[in-house]
C-alpha atoms as a PDB file:
ATOM      1  CA  MET A   1      56.965  79.868  51.427  1.00  0.00           C
ATOM      2  CA  ALA A   2      54.944  82.917  52.428  1.00  0.00           C
ATOM      3  CA  VAL A   3      53.630  81.168  55.556  1.00  0.00           C
ATOM      4  CA  PHE A   4      57.117  79.986  56.559  1.00  0.00           C
ATOM      5  CA  GLY A   5      58.466  83.523  56.071  1.00  0.00           C
ATOM      6  CA  ALA A   6      55.604  84.926  58.146  1.00  0.00           C
ATOM      7  CA  ILE A   7      56.366  82.509  60.998  1.00  0.00           C
ATOM      8  CA  ILE A   8      60.053  83.472  61.038  1.00  0.00           C
ATOM      9  CA  THR A   9      59.076  87.149  60.912  1.00  0.00           C
ATOM     10  CA  LEU A  10      56.767  86.574  63.896  1.00  0.00           C
ATOM     11  CA  PHE A  11      59.608  84.972  65.874  1.00  0.00           C
ATOM     12  CA  GLY A  12      61.780  87.987  65.040  1.00  0.00           C
ATOM     13  CA  ALA A  13      59.060  90.338  66.247  1.00  0.00           C
ATOM     14  CA  ILE A  14      58.784  88.348  69.494  1.00  0.00           C
ATOM     15  CA  PHE A  15      62.527  88.660  70.109  1.00  0.00           C
ATOM     16  CA  LEU A  16      62.378  92.380  69.409  1.00  0.00           C
ATOM     17  CA  PHE A  17      59.536  92.682  71.937  1.00  0.00           C
ATOM     18  CA  LEU A  18      61.512  90.705  74.520  1.00  0.00           C
ATOM     19  CA  GLY A  19      64.500  92.988  73.937  1.00  0.00           C
ATOM     20  CA  SER A  20      62.382  96.044  74.637  1.00  0.00           C
ATOM     21  CA  LEU A  21      60.985  94.341  77.722  1.00  0.00           C
ATOM     22  CA  GLY A  22      64.563  93.668  78.877  1.00  0.00           C
ATOM     23  CA  LEU A  23      65.333  97.379  78.579  1.00  0.00           C
ATOM     24  CA  VAL A  24      62.573  98.110  81.069  1.00  0.00           C
ATOM     25  CA  ARG A  25      63.185  95.238  83.474  1.00  0.00           C
ATOM     26  CA  MET A  26      66.968  95.136  83.875  1.00  0.00           C
ATOM     27  CA  PRO A  27      68.508  96.941  86.868  1.00  0.00           C
ATOM     28  CA  ASP A  28      71.441  98.851  85.359  1.00  0.00           C
ATOM     29  CA  LEU A  29      72.860 100.177  82.116  1.00  0.00           C
ATOM     30  CA  TYR A  30      75.120  97.209  81.445  1.00  0.00           C
ATOM     31  CA  ASN A  31      72.406  94.573  81.856  1.00  0.00           C
ATOM     32  CA  ARG A  32      70.020  96.652  79.760  1.00  0.00           C
ATOM     33  CA  MET A  33      72.603  96.978  77.036  1.00  0.00           C
ATOM     34  CA  GLN A  34      73.241  93.228  77.002  1.00  0.00           C
ATOM     35  CA  ALA A  35      69.546  92.349  76.918  1.00  0.00           C
ATOM     36  CA  GLY A  36      68.830  94.893  74.245  1.00  0.00           C
ATOM     37  CA  THR A  37      71.770  93.976  72.039  1.00  0.00           C
ATOM     38  CA  LYS A  38      71.343  90.209  72.098  1.00  0.00           C
ATOM     39  CA  ALA A  39      67.589  90.260  71.614  1.00  0.00           C
ATOM     40  CA  THR A  40      67.556  92.943  68.946  1.00  0.00           C
ATOM     41  CA  THR A  41      70.382  91.307  67.014  1.00  0.00           C
ATOM     42  CA  LEU A  42      68.590  87.963  66.873  1.00  0.00           C
ATOM     43  CA  GLY A  43      65.186  89.583  66.416  1.00  0.00           C
ATOM     44  CA  SER A  44      66.351  91.753  63.539  1.00  0.00           C
ATOM     45  CA  ILE A  45      68.064  88.834  61.838  1.00  0.00           C
ATOM     46  CA  LEU A  46      64.962  86.646  62.118  1.00  0.00           C
ATOM     47  CA  PHE A  47      62.672  89.466  61.039  1.00  0.00           C
ATOM     48  CA  LEU A  48      64.734  90.284  57.951  1.00  0.00           C
ATOM     49  CA  THR A  49      65.205  86.594  57.110  1.00  0.00           C
ATOM     50  CA  GLY A  50      61.464  86.059  57.259  1.00  0.00           C
ATOM     51  CA  LEU A  51      60.948  88.995  54.934  1.00  0.00           C
ATOM     52  CA  ALA A  52      63.569  87.628  52.533  1.00  0.00           C
ATOM     53  CA  ILE A  53      61.907  84.211  52.475  1.00  0.00           C
ATOM     54  CA  SER A  54      58.515  85.689  51.740  1.00  0.00           C
ATOM     55  CA  GLN A  55      59.926  87.889  48.931  1.00  0.00           C
ATOM     56  CA  THR A  56      60.258  86.332  45.515  1.00  0.00           C
ATOM     57  CA  GLU A  57      62.546  88.881  43.873  1.00  0.00           C
ATOM     58  CA  PHE A  58      66.250  88.045  44.003  1.00  0.00           C
ATOM     59  CA  ILE A  59      67.367  91.636  44.507  1.00  0.00           C
ATOM     60  CA  ASN A  60      65.482  91.865  47.807  1.00  0.00           C
ATOM     61  CA  ILE A  61      67.245  88.766  49.095  1.00  0.00           C
ATOM     62  CA  LYS A  62      70.650  90.268  48.299  1.00  0.00           C
ATOM     63  CA  LYS A  63      69.773  93.475  50.123  1.00  0.00           C
ATOM     64  CA  THR A  64      68.474  91.503  53.085  1.00  0.00           C
ATOM     65  CA  VAL A  65      71.681  89.466  53.322  1.00  0.00           C
ATOM     66  CA  ILE A  66      73.714  92.688  53.303  1.00  0.00           C
ATOM     67  CA  LEU A  67      71.510  94.129  56.072  1.00  0.00           C
ATOM     68  CA  VAL A  68      71.822  90.970  58.178  1.00  0.00           C
ATOM     69  CA  LEU A  69      75.614  90.983  57.822  1.00  0.00           C
ATOM     70  CA  PHE A  70      75.711  94.653  58.764  1.00  0.00           C
ATOM     71  CA  ILE A  71      73.664  93.961  61.903  1.00  0.00           C
ATOM     72  CA  VAL A  72      75.764  90.921  62.844  1.00  0.00           C
ATOM     73  CA  PHE A  73      78.991  92.925  62.708  1.00  0.00           C
ATOM     74  CA  THR A  74      77.968  96.343  63.996  1.00  0.00           C
ATOM     75  CA  ASN A  75      75.453  95.672  66.773  1.00  0.00           C
ATOM     76  CA  PRO A  76      77.756  93.710  69.141  1.00  0.00           C
ATOM     77  CA  ILE A  77      80.761  95.935  68.427  1.00  0.00           C
ATOM     78  CA  SER A  78      78.872  99.151  69.130  1.00  0.00           C
ATOM     79  CA  SER A  79      77.370  97.697  72.292  1.00  0.00           C
ATOM     80  CA  HIS A  80      80.811  96.668  73.523  1.00  0.00           C
ATOM     81  CA  ALA A  81      82.236 100.115  72.822  1.00  0.00           C
ATOM     82  CA  LEU A  82      79.348 101.848  74.609  1.00  0.00           C
ATOM     83  CA  ALA A  83      79.600  99.565  77.650  1.00  0.00           C
ATOM     84  CA  ARG A  84      83.352 100.069  77.893  1.00  0.00           C
ATOM     85  CA  ALA A  85      83.016 103.848  77.587  1.00  0.00           C
ATOM     86  CA  SER A  86      80.281 103.846  80.228  1.00  0.00           C
ATOM     87  CA  HIS A  87      82.487 101.857  82.587  1.00  0.00           C
ATOM     88  CA  PHE A  88      85.408 104.242  82.128  1.00  0.00           C
ATOM     89  CA  ALA A  89      83.042 107.208  82.630  1.00  0.00           C
ATOM     90  CA  GLY A  90      82.213 105.799  86.050  1.00  0.00           C
ATOM     91  CA  ILE A  91      78.624 104.653  85.602  1.00  0.00           C
ATOM     92  CA  PRO A  92      78.180 102.174  88.464  1.00  0.00           C
ATOM     93  CA  LEU A  93      77.039  98.589  88.236  1.00  0.00           C
ATOM     94  CA  THR A  94      74.061  97.448  90.257  1.00  0.00           C
ATOM     95  CA  LYS A  95      74.704  96.033  93.711  1.00  0.00           C
ATOM     96  CA  GLU A  96      73.565  92.596  92.513  1.00  0.00           C
ATOM     97  CA  SER A  97      76.411  92.396  89.967  1.00  0.00           C
ATOM     98  CA  ALA A  98      78.789  89.689  91.105  1.00  0.00           C
ATOM     99  CA  VAL A  99      81.768  90.197  88.794  1.00  0.00           C
ATOM    100  CA  ASP A 100      83.433  93.236  87.264  1.00  0.00           C
ATOM    101  CA  LYS A 101      86.268  91.895  85.118  1.00  0.00           C
ATOM    102  CA  LEU A 102      87.146  95.300  83.673  1.00  0.00           C
ATOM    103  CA  ALA A 103      87.730  96.752  87.146  1.00  0.00           C
ATOM    104  CA  GLU A 104      89.813  93.691  88.038  1.00  0.00           C
ATOM    105  CA  ASP A 105      91.937  94.245  84.924  1.00  0.00           C
ATOM    106  CA  LYS A 106      92.453  97.896  85.916  1.00  0.00           C
ATOM    107  CA  ILE A 107      93.667  96.847  89.379  1.00  0.00           C
ATOM    108  CA  GLU A 108      96.053  94.286  87.869  1.00  0.00           C
ATOM    109  CA  ASP A 109      97.448  96.909  85.493  1.00  0.00           C
ATOM    110  CA  LEU A 110      98.039  99.307  88.394  1.00  0.00           C
ATOM    111  CA  ASP A 111      99.860  96.592  90.357  1.00  0.00           C
ATOM    112  CA  LYS A 112     102.375  96.000  87.537  1.00  0.00           C
END
């Protein structure tokens, strides 16, 4: 079980690395936030799951499950709130962005 846990932990570390690479490579705040959130959510879950598998004490598994649930619920919600606040603050999208649904919704609300 220790080897299987180590492999899952390695996959989690790889996703965390790819998330940090996405923060450097993406062109604007919104793309960076998406890359960072998705990769770090999955990477953290895999990393903690691998640690739980390699641990033999039951109490550590309970704590790990609580941490994973906390990450699953809070990471996407906080990212959404930050992206929405950034959009309302006027931080521009990159020129390569094809769709801005939030701006379209604002225009529709003004037309009503």
